[in-house]
Amino acid sequence: SSKKLIECSTNSFSPESVRLVDGAGFCSGRVEVKSNQSWASVCEADFDRQDAEVVCGEFGCGAPAALQGGLYGEGEGQTWDKEFQCKGNESLLLDCDTSDRENNTCLPGNAVGLTCSEPDDVRLVGGGSRCAGGVEWYDQGEWRTVGADDWNQRDVAVVVCRQLGCGSTVSVLPGNTTRGFGVYCDGSESSLRECSRSYHLRPGLTVICSDLLVQPDIFLTDPMGGVFRGHQGPEMFRGYNFTITCSTQPQYPGGSFHLTFTGSNRTQTQPAVNHSAAFLFPAADYSHQGNYRCVYDNYVFSHNFSSESELFSLTITGN
């Protein structure tokens, strides 16, 4: 039989592996990649949500729940010097394309921290949000109601909110008792899998977590064509009018949007109509330059909830 010669080549820039360091469980931590036998932390600017989806999938975890610099401290070693260009459907981070970083500095506090939701074997149903509803656990091929004794319901709820990446527990309400099994947690566990359980029926529970509202979007429109893309983001010519629009996914009716401006303590407020609000600025001048953020507030489940958009930076320039 003829012999085949298989020639392998390695790209000196591709990471050999990836890990999450200093997190609360195996689904969270500071993102580090291994290159040339040493571990390097990844800069926040070089890593986006599509990259995060690939890493969460690589670790067998659920969708990314949080992504921010400095969340899990700084690495002791070097900083990875490439930008990841994942499409989101790769099975491994090292399968993603990379490109040279535009600027070679990564400021302290910007090592990216990633929190993935735990594997999708727990869900909250019937609450209009992935962070509210009756607790169910996927077990033996079907979704079953989770119950807990009255004195333990709060601890179980804390674990559920933590596992889903939904923040802290706001309230726990009685749920139904059908098809369920009992769970006991002490509140320190990172997922329900670490709690003990029995197949004796317990009162079901409905859990409301603090991260109930999805993150709103913020974007700028300019009917007069006064916006152009500058080096640092959008720039607006003086004298042109522009509109900043806040919007959110249709989770709950009502609510209101606050547009905050970091250049001063100015805040404008409008009710959410069809889940959005538009803030008109008649004539741009230098006082409009700065960072804007949309804050969405709503009163549901007898509590006030709030969610903030990313910062939006606007530069004003002369004609």
C-alpha atoms as a PDB file:
ATOM      1  CA  SER A   1       0.000   0.000   0.000  1.00  0.00           C
ATOM      2  CA  SER A   2       1.160   3.501  -0.748  1.00  0.00           C
ATOM      3  CA  LYS A   3       2.183   5.666   2.157  1.00  0.00           C
ATOM      4  CA  LYS A   4       0.699   9.105   2.598  1.00  0.00           C
ATOM      5  CA  LEU A   5       2.720  12.001   3.915  1.00  0.00           C
ATOM      6  CA  ILE A   6       0.621  14.303   6.069  1.00  0.00           C
ATOM      7  CA  GLU A   7       2.208  17.678   6.593  1.00  0.00           C
ATOM      8  CA  CYS A   8       0.976  19.798   9.480  1.00  0.00           C
ATOM      9  CA  SER A   9       1.791  23.427   9.996  1.00  0.00           C
ATOM     10  CA  THR A  10       1.115  25.594  13.011  1.00  0.00           C
ATOM     11  CA  ASN A  11       0.226  29.230  13.054  1.00  0.00           C
ATOM     12  CA  SER A  12       2.469  30.772  15.705  1.00  0.00           C
ATOM     13  CA  PHE A  13      -0.352  33.140  16.670  1.00  0.00           C
ATOM     14  CA  SER A  14      -3.115  30.611  17.253  1.00  0.00           C
ATOM     15  CA  PRO A  15      -3.750  29.785  20.923  1.00  0.00           C
ATOM     16  CA  GLU A  16      -3.228  26.186  21.984  1.00  0.00           C
ATOM     17  CA  SER A  17      -6.088  26.373  24.444  1.00  0.00           C
ATOM     18  CA  VAL A  18      -8.315  28.703  26.425  1.00  0.00           C
ATOM     19  CA  ARG A  19      -9.283  28.829  30.093  1.00  0.00           C
ATOM     20  CA  LEU A  20     -11.479  30.830  32.478  1.00  0.00           C
ATOM     21  CA  VAL A  21      -9.607  31.892  35.629  1.00  0.00           C
ATOM     22  CA  ASP A  22     -10.727  33.122  39.090  1.00  0.00           C
ATOM     23  CA  GLY A  23     -14.456  32.765  38.355  1.00  0.00           C
ATOM     24  CA  ALA A  24     -17.224  31.553  40.640  1.00  0.00           C
ATOM     25  CA  GLY A  25     -17.622  28.234  38.774  1.00  0.00           C
ATOM     26  CA  PHE A  26     -16.428  26.490  35.644  1.00  0.00           C
ATOM     27  CA  CYS A  27     -18.659  28.759  33.505  1.00  0.00           C
ATOM     28  CA  SER A  28     -17.099  32.100  34.492  1.00  0.00           C
ATOM     29  CA  GLY A  29     -13.705  33.744  34.836  1.00  0.00           C
ATOM     30  CA  ARG A  30     -10.997  35.865  33.230  1.00  0.00           C
ATOM     31  CA  VAL A  31     -10.410  34.761  29.631  1.00  0.00           C
ATOM     32  CA  GLU A  32      -6.843  33.556  29.052  1.00  0.00           C
ATOM     33  CA  VAL A  33      -5.290  31.852  26.026  1.00  0.00           C
ATOM     34  CA  LYS A  34      -2.136  29.754  25.927  1.00  0.00           C
ATOM     35  CA  SER A  35       0.554  30.714  23.477  1.00  0.00           C
ATOM     36  CA  ASN A  36       4.205  29.658  23.446  1.00  0.00           C
ATOM     37  CA  GLN A  37       3.810  27.722  26.718  1.00  0.00           C
ATOM     38  CA  SER A  38       2.540  30.688  28.715  1.00  0.00           C
ATOM     39  CA  TRP A  39      -0.916  32.032  29.499  1.00  0.00           C
ATOM     40  CA  ALA A  40      -1.984  35.499  28.334  1.00  0.00           C
ATOM     41  CA  SER A  41      -5.107  37.435  29.342  1.00  0.00           C
ATOM     42  CA  VAL A  42      -7.314  38.831  26.585  1.00  0.00           C
ATOM     43  CA  CYS A  43      -8.052  42.564  26.351  1.00  0.00           C
ATOM     44  CA  GLU A  44     -11.701  43.645  26.501  1.00  0.00           C
ATOM     45  CA  ALA A  45     -11.348  45.571  23.219  1.00  0.00           C
ATOM     46  CA  ASP A  46     -10.244  42.407  21.392  1.00  0.00           C
ATOM     47  CA  PHE A  47     -13.183  40.257  22.474  1.00  0.00           C
ATOM     48  CA  ASP A  48     -16.897  40.693  21.708  1.00  0.00           C
ATOM     49  CA  ARG A  49     -20.142  38.803  22.277  1.00  0.00           C
ATOM     50  CA  GLN A  50     -19.651  36.476  19.292  1.00  0.00           C
ATOM     51  CA  ASP A  51     -16.241  35.481  20.674  1.00  0.00           C
ATOM     52  CA  ALA A  52     -17.893  34.942  24.063  1.00  0.00           C
ATOM     53  CA  GLU A  53     -20.539  32.655  22.539  1.00  0.00           C
ATOM     54  CA  VAL A  54     -17.788  30.420  21.150  1.00  0.00           C
ATOM     55  CA  VAL A  55     -15.961  30.205  24.506  1.00  0.00           C
ATOM     56  CA  CYS A  56     -19.174  29.477  26.433  1.00  0.00           C
ATOM     57  CA  GLY A  57     -19.995  26.723  23.958  1.00  0.00           C
ATOM     58  CA  GLU A  58     -16.467  25.327  24.167  1.00  0.00           C
ATOM     59  CA  PHE A  59     -16.882  24.913  27.934  1.00  0.00           C
ATOM     60  CA  GLY A  60     -20.320  23.321  27.546  1.00  0.00           C
ATOM     61  CA  CYS A  61     -22.012  26.287  29.210  1.00  0.00           C
ATOM     62  CA  GLY A  62     -25.091  28.293  28.260  1.00  0.00           C
ATOM     63  CA  ALA A  63     -25.187  31.683  26.544  1.00  0.00           C
ATOM     64  CA  PRO A  64     -22.953  34.602  27.686  1.00  0.00           C
ATOM     65  CA  ALA A  65     -24.591  36.439  30.570  1.00  0.00           C
ATOM     66  CA  ALA A  66     -21.949  39.125  31.306  1.00  0.00           C
ATOM     67  CA  LEU A  67     -18.859  40.389  29.502  1.00  0.00           C
ATOM     68  CA  GLN A  68     -16.735  43.181  30.935  1.00  0.00           C
ATOM     69  CA  GLY A  69     -13.155  44.187  31.651  1.00  0.00           C
ATOM     70  CA  GLY A  70     -11.727  43.700  35.132  1.00  0.00           C
ATOM     71  CA  LEU A  71     -14.624  41.519  36.257  1.00  0.00           C
ATOM     72  CA  TYR A  72     -12.315  38.727  37.456  1.00  0.00           C
ATOM     73  CA  GLY A  73      -9.090  40.640  38.080  1.00  0.00           C
ATOM     74  CA  GLU A  74      -5.913  41.024  36.084  1.00  0.00           C
ATOM     75  CA  GLY A  75      -3.646  38.241  34.873  1.00  0.00           C
ATOM     76  CA  GLU A  76      -0.106  37.958  36.146  1.00  0.00           C
ATOM     77  CA  GLY A  77       1.387  37.342  32.703  1.00  0.00           C
ATOM     78  CA  GLN A  78       1.282  39.006  29.332  1.00  0.00           C
ATOM     79  CA  THR A  79      -1.660  40.261  27.309  1.00  0.00           C
ATOM     80  CA  TRP A  80      -2.760  38.454  24.157  1.00  0.00           C
ATOM     81  CA  ASP A  81      -1.818  40.725  21.234  1.00  0.00           C
ATOM     82  CA  LYS A  82      -4.484  39.759  18.685  1.00  0.00           C
ATOM     83  CA  GLU A  83      -8.132  40.583  18.163  1.00  0.00           C
ATOM     84  CA  PHE A  84     -10.517  37.634  17.829  1.00  0.00           C
ATOM     85  CA  GLN A  85     -12.873  37.644  14.836  1.00  0.00           C
ATOM     86  CA  CYS A  86     -15.294  34.819  15.677  1.00  0.00           C
ATOM     87  CA  LYS A  87     -18.500  34.471  13.681  1.00  0.00           C
ATOM     88  CA  GLY A  88     -20.191  32.752  16.648  1.00  0.00           C
ATOM     89  CA  ASN A  89     -20.661  29.333  15.061  1.00  0.00           C
ATOM     90  CA  GLU A  90     -17.140  27.972  15.633  1.00  0.00           C
ATOM     91  CA  SER A  91     -16.779  25.088  18.087  1.00  0.00           C
ATOM     92  CA  LEU A  92     -13.411  26.276  19.489  1.00  0.00           C
ATOM     93  CA  LEU A  93     -11.918  29.708  20.071  1.00  0.00           C
ATOM     94  CA  LEU A  94      -8.750  28.634  18.256  1.00  0.00           C
ATOM     95  CA  ASP A  95     -10.893  27.972  15.156  1.00  0.00           C
ATOM     96  CA  CYS A  96     -11.724  31.694  14.946  1.00  0.00           C
ATOM     97  CA  ASP A  97      -9.888  34.129  12.709  1.00  0.00           C
ATOM     98  CA  THR A  98      -7.654  36.706  14.395  1.00  0.00           C
ATOM     99  CA  SER A  99      -6.322  40.069  13.289  1.00  0.00           C
ATOM    100  CA  ASP A 100      -3.617  42.415  14.493  1.00  0.00           C
ATOM    101  CA  ARG A 101      -4.798  44.739  17.240  1.00  0.00           C
ATOM    102  CA  GLU A 102      -5.230  48.308  16.007  1.00  0.00           C
ATOM    103  CA  ASN A 103      -3.538  49.836  19.028  1.00  0.00           C
ATOM    104  CA  ASN A 104      -0.990  47.855  20.996  1.00  0.00           C
ATOM    105  CA  THR A 105      -1.967  48.967  24.472  1.00  0.00           C
ATOM    106  CA  CYS A 106      -4.355  47.296  26.856  1.00  0.00           C
ATOM    107  CA  LEU A 107      -4.968  49.441  29.898  1.00  0.00           C
ATOM    108  CA  PRO A 108      -4.987  47.913  33.414  1.00  0.00           C
ATOM    109  CA  GLY A 109      -8.438  46.733  34.430  1.00  0.00           C
ATOM    110  CA  ASN A 110      -9.343  45.741  30.870  1.00  0.00           C
ATOM    111  CA  ALA A 111      -8.599  42.011  31.007  1.00  0.00           C
ATOM    112  CA  VAL A 112     -11.902  40.599  29.824  1.00  0.00           C
ATOM    113  CA  GLY A 113     -14.049  38.688  32.302  1.00  0.00           C
ATOM    114  CA  LEU A 114     -16.730  36.358  30.984  1.00  0.00           C
ATOM    115  CA  THR A 115     -19.759  34.902  32.756  1.00  0.00           C
ATOM    116  CA  CYS A 116     -21.620  32.207  30.835  1.00  0.00           C
ATOM    117  CA  SER A 117     -24.945  30.920  32.041  1.00  0.00           C
ATOM    118  CA  GLU A 118     -24.771  27.409  33.404  1.00  0.00           C
ATOM    119  CA  PRO A 119     -25.757  24.512  31.116  1.00  0.00           C
ATOM    120  CA  ASP A 120     -29.368  24.891  30.081  1.00  0.00           C
ATOM    121  CA  ASP A 121     -30.965  22.338  32.406  1.00  0.00           C
ATOM    122  CA  VAL A 122     -32.842  24.913  34.522  1.00  0.00           C
ATOM    123  CA  ARG A 123     -35.345  27.498  33.316  1.00  0.00           C
ATOM    124  CA  LEU A 124     -37.950  29.959  34.595  1.00  0.00           C
ATOM    125  CA  VAL A 125     -41.270  29.760  32.749  1.00  0.00           C
ATOM    126  CA  GLY A 126     -44.412  31.880  32.527  1.00  0.00           C
ATOM    127  CA  GLY A 127     -42.898  35.179  33.703  1.00  0.00           C
ATOM    128  CA  GLY A 128     -42.260  36.941  30.393  1.00  0.00           C
ATOM    129  CA  SER A 129     -38.492  36.904  30.981  1.00  0.00           C
ATOM    130  CA  ARG A 130     -35.750  34.299  31.208  1.00  0.00           C
ATOM    131  CA  CYS A 131     -35.113  35.767  34.684  1.00  0.00           C
ATOM    132  CA  ALA A 132     -38.619  35.311  36.107  1.00  0.00           C
ATOM    133  CA  GLY A 133     -41.123  32.493  36.425  1.00  0.00           C
ATOM    134  CA  GLY A 134     -41.782  29.036  37.789  1.00  0.00           C
ATOM    135  CA  VAL A 135     -38.628  26.939  38.295  1.00  0.00           C
ATOM    136  CA  GLU A 136     -38.262  23.877  36.069  1.00  0.00           C
ATOM    137  CA  TRP A 137     -35.421  21.339  35.797  1.00  0.00           C
ATOM    138  CA  TYR A 138     -34.759  19.122  32.762  1.00  0.00           C
ATOM    139  CA  ASP A 139     -34.597  15.600  34.145  1.00  0.00           C
ATOM    140  CA  GLN A 140     -34.867  12.207  32.474  1.00  0.00           C
ATOM    141  CA  GLY A 141     -36.060  13.642  29.178  1.00  0.00           C
ATOM    142  CA  GLU A 142     -38.674  16.104  30.441  1.00  0.00           C
ATOM    143  CA  TRP A 143     -39.041  19.443  32.207  1.00  0.00           C
ATOM    144  CA  ARG A 144     -40.199  18.959  35.803  1.00  0.00           C
ATOM    145  CA  THR A 145     -41.428  21.499  38.327  1.00  0.00           C
ATOM    146  CA  VAL A 146     -38.935  22.231  41.112  1.00  0.00           C
ATOM    147  CA  GLY A 147     -40.276  22.591  44.629  1.00  0.00           C
ATOM    148  CA  ALA A 148     -38.799  23.437  48.002  1.00  0.00           C
ATOM    149  CA  ASP A 149     -39.940  23.606  51.620  1.00  0.00           C
ATOM    150  CA  ASP A 150     -41.049  27.058  52.743  1.00  0.00           C
ATOM    151  CA  TRP A 151     -37.985  27.588  54.924  1.00  0.00           C
ATOM    152  CA  ASN A 152     -35.608  26.684  52.041  1.00  0.00           C
ATOM    153  CA  GLN A 153     -37.275  28.444  49.123  1.00  0.00           C
ATOM    154  CA  ARG A 154     -35.163  31.585  49.426  1.00  0.00           C
ATOM    155  CA  ASP A 155     -31.875  29.628  49.300  1.00  0.00           C
ATOM    156  CA  VAL A 156     -33.049  27.658  46.256  1.00  0.00           C
ATOM    157  CA  ALA A 157     -34.055  30.912  44.543  1.00  0.00           C
ATOM    158  CA  VAL A 158     -30.608  32.421  45.188  1.00  0.00           C
ATOM    159  CA  VAL A 159     -28.978  29.456  43.421  1.00  0.00           C
ATOM    160  CA  VAL A 160     -31.419  29.607  40.481  1.00  0.00           C
ATOM    161  CA  CYS A 161     -30.756  33.327  39.850  1.00  0.00           C
ATOM    162  CA  ARG A 162     -27.010  32.716  40.135  1.00  0.00           C
ATOM    163  CA  GLN A 163     -27.066  29.732  37.758  1.00  0.00           C
ATOM    164  CA  LEU A 164     -29.025  31.627  35.106  1.00  0.00           C
ATOM    165  CA  GLY A 165     -26.746  34.691  35.316  1.00  0.00           C
ATOM    166  CA  CYS A 166     -29.787  36.740  36.374  1.00  0.00           C
ATOM    167  CA  GLY A 167     -28.338  38.675  39.312  1.00  0.00           C
ATOM    168  CA  SER A 168     -29.805  38.431  42.786  1.00  0.00           C
ATOM    169  CA  THR A 169     -33.185  37.242  44.050  1.00  0.00           C
ATOM    170  CA  VAL A 170     -35.894  39.897  44.304  1.00  0.00           C
ATOM    171  CA  SER A 171     -38.824  37.747  45.418  1.00  0.00           C
ATOM    172  CA  VAL A 172     -39.985  34.151  45.786  1.00  0.00           C
ATOM    173  CA  LEU A 173     -43.653  33.246  45.357  1.00  0.00           C
ATOM    174  CA  PRO A 174     -45.514  29.954  45.720  1.00  0.00           C
ATOM    175  CA  GLY A 175     -45.845  28.004  42.474  1.00  0.00           C
ATOM    176  CA  ASN A 176     -47.685  24.836  41.502  1.00  0.00           C
ATOM    177  CA  THR A 177     -46.870  21.342  42.816  1.00  0.00           C
ATOM    178  CA  THR A 178     -47.482  19.063  39.819  1.00  0.00           C
ATOM    179  CA  ARG A 179     -44.852  16.742  38.278  1.00  0.00           C
ATOM    180  CA  GLY A 180     -42.285  18.163  40.651  1.00  0.00           C
ATOM    181  CA  PHE A 181     -39.562  17.022  42.958  1.00  0.00           C
ATOM    182  CA  GLY A 182     -38.029  18.598  46.017  1.00  0.00           C
ATOM    183  CA  VAL A 183     -34.685  20.401  46.094  1.00  0.00           C
ATOM    184  CA  TYR A 184     -32.614  21.449  49.105  1.00  0.00           C
ATOM    185  CA  CYS A 185     -29.844  24.082  48.765  1.00  0.00           C
ATOM    186  CA  ASP A 186     -27.830  26.010  51.352  1.00  0.00           C
ATOM    187  CA  GLY A 187     -27.548  29.018  48.997  1.00  0.00           C
ATOM    188  CA  SER A 188     -23.813  28.819  48.265  1.00  0.00           C
ATOM    189  CA  GLU A 189     -24.065  26.464  45.282  1.00  0.00           C
ATOM    190  CA  SER A 190     -23.345  27.685  41.754  1.00  0.00           C
ATOM    191  CA  SER A 191     -26.075  25.504  40.208  1.00  0.00           C
ATOM    192  CA  LEU A 192     -29.011  23.326  41.233  1.00  0.00           C
ATOM    193  CA  ARG A 193     -26.976  20.250  40.256  1.00  0.00           C
ATOM    194  CA  GLU A 194     -24.927  20.798  43.422  1.00  0.00           C
ATOM    195  CA  CYS A 195     -28.045  20.781  45.632  1.00  0.00           C
ATOM    196  CA  SER A 196     -29.592  17.626  47.055  1.00  0.00           C
ATOM    197  CA  ARG A 197     -32.978  16.521  45.775  1.00  0.00           C
ATOM    198  CA  SER A 198     -35.748  14.064  46.482  1.00  0.00           C
ATOM    199  CA  TYR A 199     -38.648  12.884  44.381  1.00  0.00           C
ATOM    200  CA  HIS A 200     -41.170  13.694  47.128  1.00  0.00           C
ATOM    201  CA  LEU A 201     -43.440  16.527  46.072  1.00  0.00           C
ATOM    202  CA  ARG A 202     -42.698  19.933  47.561  1.00  0.00           C
ATOM    203  CA  PRO A 203     -44.538  23.237  47.013  1.00  0.00           C
ATOM    204  CA  GLY A 204     -43.389  24.705  43.699  1.00  0.00           C
ATOM    205  CA  LEU A 205     -41.823  28.145  43.588  1.00  0.00           C
ATOM    206  CA  THR A 206     -41.814  31.139  41.279  1.00  0.00           C
ATOM    207  CA  VAL A 207     -38.606  33.182  41.336  1.00  0.00           C
ATOM    208  CA  ILE A 208     -38.097  36.815  40.301  1.00  0.00           C
ATOM    209  CA  CYS A 209     -34.433  37.812  39.741  1.00  0.00           C
ATOM    210  CA  SER A 210     -32.960  41.317  39.611  1.00  0.00           C
ATOM    211  CA  ASP A 211     -31.769  41.168  35.971  1.00  0.00           C
ATOM    212  CA  LEU A 212     -35.354  40.828  34.800  1.00  0.00           C
ATOM    213  CA  LEU A 213     -35.162  43.381  31.971  1.00  0.00           C
ATOM    214  CA  VAL A 214     -33.010  42.823  28.896  1.00  0.00           C
ATOM    215  CA  GLN A 215     -30.400  45.476  28.084  1.00  0.00           C
ATOM    216  CA  PRO A 216     -31.953  48.325  26.043  1.00  0.00           C
ATOM    217  CA  ASP A 217     -30.435  49.573  22.784  1.00  0.00           C
ATOM    218  CA  ILE A 218     -29.306  53.128  22.039  1.00  0.00           C
ATOM    219  CA  PHE A 219     -28.796  54.536  18.557  1.00  0.00           C
ATOM    220  CA  LEU A 220     -28.576  57.868  16.735  1.00  0.00           C
ATOM    221  CA  THR A 221     -30.437  59.055  13.622  1.00  0.00           C
ATOM    222  CA  ASP A 222     -29.852  62.288  11.723  1.00  0.00           C
ATOM    223  CA  PRO A 223     -32.575  63.239   9.190  1.00  0.00           C
ATOM    224  CA  MET A 224     -30.432  66.108   7.860  1.00  0.00           C
ATOM    225  CA  GLY A 225     -27.375  63.959   7.197  1.00  0.00           C
ATOM    226  CA  GLY A 226     -25.112  65.686   9.698  1.00  0.00           C
ATOM    227  CA  VAL A 227     -23.462  62.554  11.114  1.00  0.00           C
ATOM    228  CA  PHE A 228     -20.282  60.962   9.808  1.00  0.00           C
ATOM    229  CA  ARG A 229     -18.065  58.273  11.233  1.00  0.00           C
ATOM    230  CA  GLY A 230     -14.896  59.647  12.784  1.00  0.00           C
ATOM    231  CA  HIS A 231     -11.880  57.925  14.326  1.00  0.00           C
ATOM    232  CA  GLN A 232     -13.494  57.748  17.765  1.00  0.00           C
ATOM    233  CA  GLY A 233     -17.031  56.924  16.606  1.00  0.00           C
ATOM    234  CA  PRO A 234     -19.906  59.080  15.325  1.00  0.00           C
ATOM    235  CA  GLU A 235     -19.300  62.808  14.837  1.00  0.00           C
ATOM    236  CA  MET A 236     -22.032  65.395  14.312  1.00  0.00           C
ATOM    237  CA  PHE A 237     -21.737  68.765  12.556  1.00  0.00           C
ATOM    238  CA  ARG A 238     -22.818  71.788  14.600  1.00  0.00           C
ATOM    239  CA  GLY A 239     -26.257  73.160  13.789  1.00  0.00           C
ATOM    240  CA  TYR A 240     -27.772  69.914  12.535  1.00  0.00           C
ATOM    241  CA  ASN A 241     -30.606  68.286  14.408  1.00  0.00           C
ATOM    242  CA  PHE A 242     -30.332  64.689  15.579  1.00  0.00           C
ATOM    243  CA  THR A 243     -32.352  62.119  17.510  1.00  0.00           C
ATOM    244  CA  ILE A 244     -31.197  59.579  20.081  1.00  0.00           C
ATOM    245  CA  THR A 245     -33.566  56.624  20.271  1.00  0.00           C
ATOM    246  CA  CYS A 246     -33.871  54.182  23.170  1.00  0.00           C
ATOM    247  CA  SER A 247     -35.579  50.838  22.589  1.00  0.00           C
ATOM    248  CA  THR A 248     -35.980  47.462  24.234  1.00  0.00           C
ATOM    249  CA  GLN A 249     -37.348  44.052  23.377  1.00  0.00           C
ATOM    250  CA  PRO A 250     -41.106  43.650  23.931  1.00  0.00           C
ATOM    251  CA  GLN A 251     -41.018  41.909  27.304  1.00  0.00           C
ATOM    252  CA  TYR A 252     -43.538  43.914  29.337  1.00  0.00           C
ATOM    253  CA  PRO A 253     -45.904  46.772  28.437  1.00  0.00           C
ATOM    254  CA  GLY A 254     -45.288  50.285  29.720  1.00  0.00           C
ATOM    255  CA  GLY A 255     -42.243  51.568  31.508  1.00  0.00           C
ATOM    256  CA  SER A 256     -40.170  54.661  30.772  1.00  0.00           C
ATOM    257  CA  PHE A 257     -36.805  55.602  29.313  1.00  0.00           C
ATOM    258  CA  HIS A 258     -34.314  58.021  30.850  1.00  0.00           C
ATOM    259  CA  LEU A 259     -31.606  59.448  28.605  1.00  0.00           C
ATOM    260  CA  THR A 260     -28.639  60.389  30.769  1.00  0.00           C
ATOM    261  CA  PHE A 261     -25.784  62.609  29.595  1.00  0.00           C
ATOM    262  CA  THR A 262     -22.424  62.352  31.325  1.00  0.00           C
ATOM    263  CA  GLY A 263     -21.334  65.842  30.272  1.00  0.00           C
ATOM    264  CA  SER A 264     -23.750  67.214  32.884  1.00  0.00           C
ATOM    265  CA  ASN A 265     -26.390  65.968  35.285  1.00  0.00           C
ATOM    266  CA  ARG A 266     -29.059  66.358  32.605  1.00  0.00           C
ATOM    267  CA  THR A 267     -31.569  63.523  32.345  1.00  0.00           C
ATOM    268  CA  GLN A 268     -34.538  63.485  29.980  1.00  0.00           C
ATOM    269  CA  THR A 269     -37.440  61.093  30.560  1.00  0.00           C
ATOM    270  CA  GLN A 270     -40.139  59.802  28.227  1.00  0.00           C
ATOM    271  CA  PRO A 271     -42.689  56.998  28.496  1.00  0.00           C
ATOM    272  CA  ALA A 272     -41.965  53.872  26.485  1.00  0.00           C
ATOM    273  CA  VAL A 273     -44.331  53.794  23.489  1.00  0.00           C
ATOM    274  CA  ASN A 274     -44.143  50.543  21.530  1.00  0.00           C
ATOM    275  CA  HIS A 275     -41.090  49.752  23.678  1.00  0.00           C
ATOM    276  CA  SER A 276     -39.097  52.788  22.527  1.00  0.00           C
ATOM    277  CA  ALA A 277     -38.647  56.539  22.998  1.00  0.00           C
ATOM    278  CA  ALA A 278     -37.042  59.173  20.754  1.00  0.00           C
ATOM    279  CA  PHE A 279     -35.198  62.211  22.167  1.00  0.00           C
ATOM    280  CA  LEU A 280     -34.887  65.056  19.639  1.00  0.00           C
ATOM    281  CA  PHE A 281     -32.038  67.591  19.725  1.00  0.00           C
ATOM    282  CA  PRO A 282     -32.928  70.564  17.440  1.00  0.00           C
ATOM    283  CA  ALA A 283     -29.448  72.023  16.794  1.00  0.00           C
ATOM    284  CA  ALA A 284     -26.199  70.331  17.763  1.00  0.00           C
ATOM    285  CA  ASP A 285     -23.587  72.425  19.549  1.00  0.00           C
ATOM    286  CA  TYR A 286     -20.492  71.646  21.599  1.00  0.00           C
ATOM    287  CA  SER A 287     -22.546  71.251  24.776  1.00  0.00           C
ATOM    288  CA  HIS A 288     -24.030  68.080  23.271  1.00  0.00           C
ATOM    289  CA  GLN A 289     -20.639  66.368  23.061  1.00  0.00           C
ATOM    290  CA  GLY A 290     -20.164  63.492  25.497  1.00  0.00           C
ATOM    291  CA  ASN A 291     -21.499  60.102  26.511  1.00  0.00           C
ATOM    292  CA  TYR A 292     -25.174  59.143  26.470  1.00  0.00           C
ATOM    293  CA  ARG A 293     -26.902  56.163  28.044  1.00  0.00           C
ATOM    294  CA  CYS A 294     -30.473  54.846  27.947  1.00  0.00           C
ATOM    295  CA  VAL A 295     -31.956  53.567  31.208  1.00  0.00           C
ATOM    296  CA  TYR A 296     -35.191  51.586  31.007  1.00  0.00           C
ATOM    297  CA  ASP A 297     -37.410  51.433  34.108  1.00  0.00           C
ATOM    298  CA  ASN A 298     -40.517  49.352  34.611  1.00  0.00           C
ATOM    299  CA  TYR A 299     -42.694  48.350  37.551  1.00  0.00           C
ATOM    300  CA  VAL A 300     -43.587  44.649  37.316  1.00  0.00           C
ATOM    301  CA  PHE A 301     -44.114  41.845  39.836  1.00  0.00           C
ATOM    302  CA  SER A 302     -44.664  44.554  42.494  1.00  0.00           C
ATOM    303  CA  HIS A 303     -41.080  45.819  42.190  1.00  0.00           C
ATOM    304  CA  ASN A 304     -39.198  48.495  40.269  1.00  0.00           C
ATOM    305  CA  PHE A 305     -36.676  47.117  37.785  1.00  0.00           C
ATOM    306  CA  SER A 306     -34.066  48.956  35.750  1.00  0.00           C
ATOM    307  CA  SER A 307     -31.667  48.139  32.923  1.00  0.00           C
ATOM    308  CA  GLU A 308     -28.955  50.270  31.288  1.00  0.00           C
ATOM    309  CA  SER A 309     -27.741  50.383  27.696  1.00  0.00           C
ATOM    310  CA  GLU A 310     -24.097  50.613  26.707  1.00  0.00           C
ATOM    311  CA  LEU A 311     -22.533  54.073  26.642  1.00  0.00           C
ATOM    312  CA  PHE A 312     -22.862  55.971  23.360  1.00  0.00           C
ATOM    313  CA  SER A 313     -20.181  58.593  22.665  1.00  0.00           C
ATOM    314  CA  LEU A 314     -20.916  61.576  20.400  1.00  0.00           C
ATOM    315  CA  THR A 315     -18.400  64.153  19.135  1.00  0.00           C
ATOM    316  CA  ILE A 316     -19.503  67.565  17.860  1.00  0.00           C
ATOM    317  CA  THR A 317     -17.409  69.243  15.163  1.00  0.00           C
ATOM    318  CA  GLY A 318     -17.518  72.592  13.324  1.00  0.00           C
ATOM    319  CA  ASN A 319     -18.876  72.935   9.792  1.00  0.00           C
END
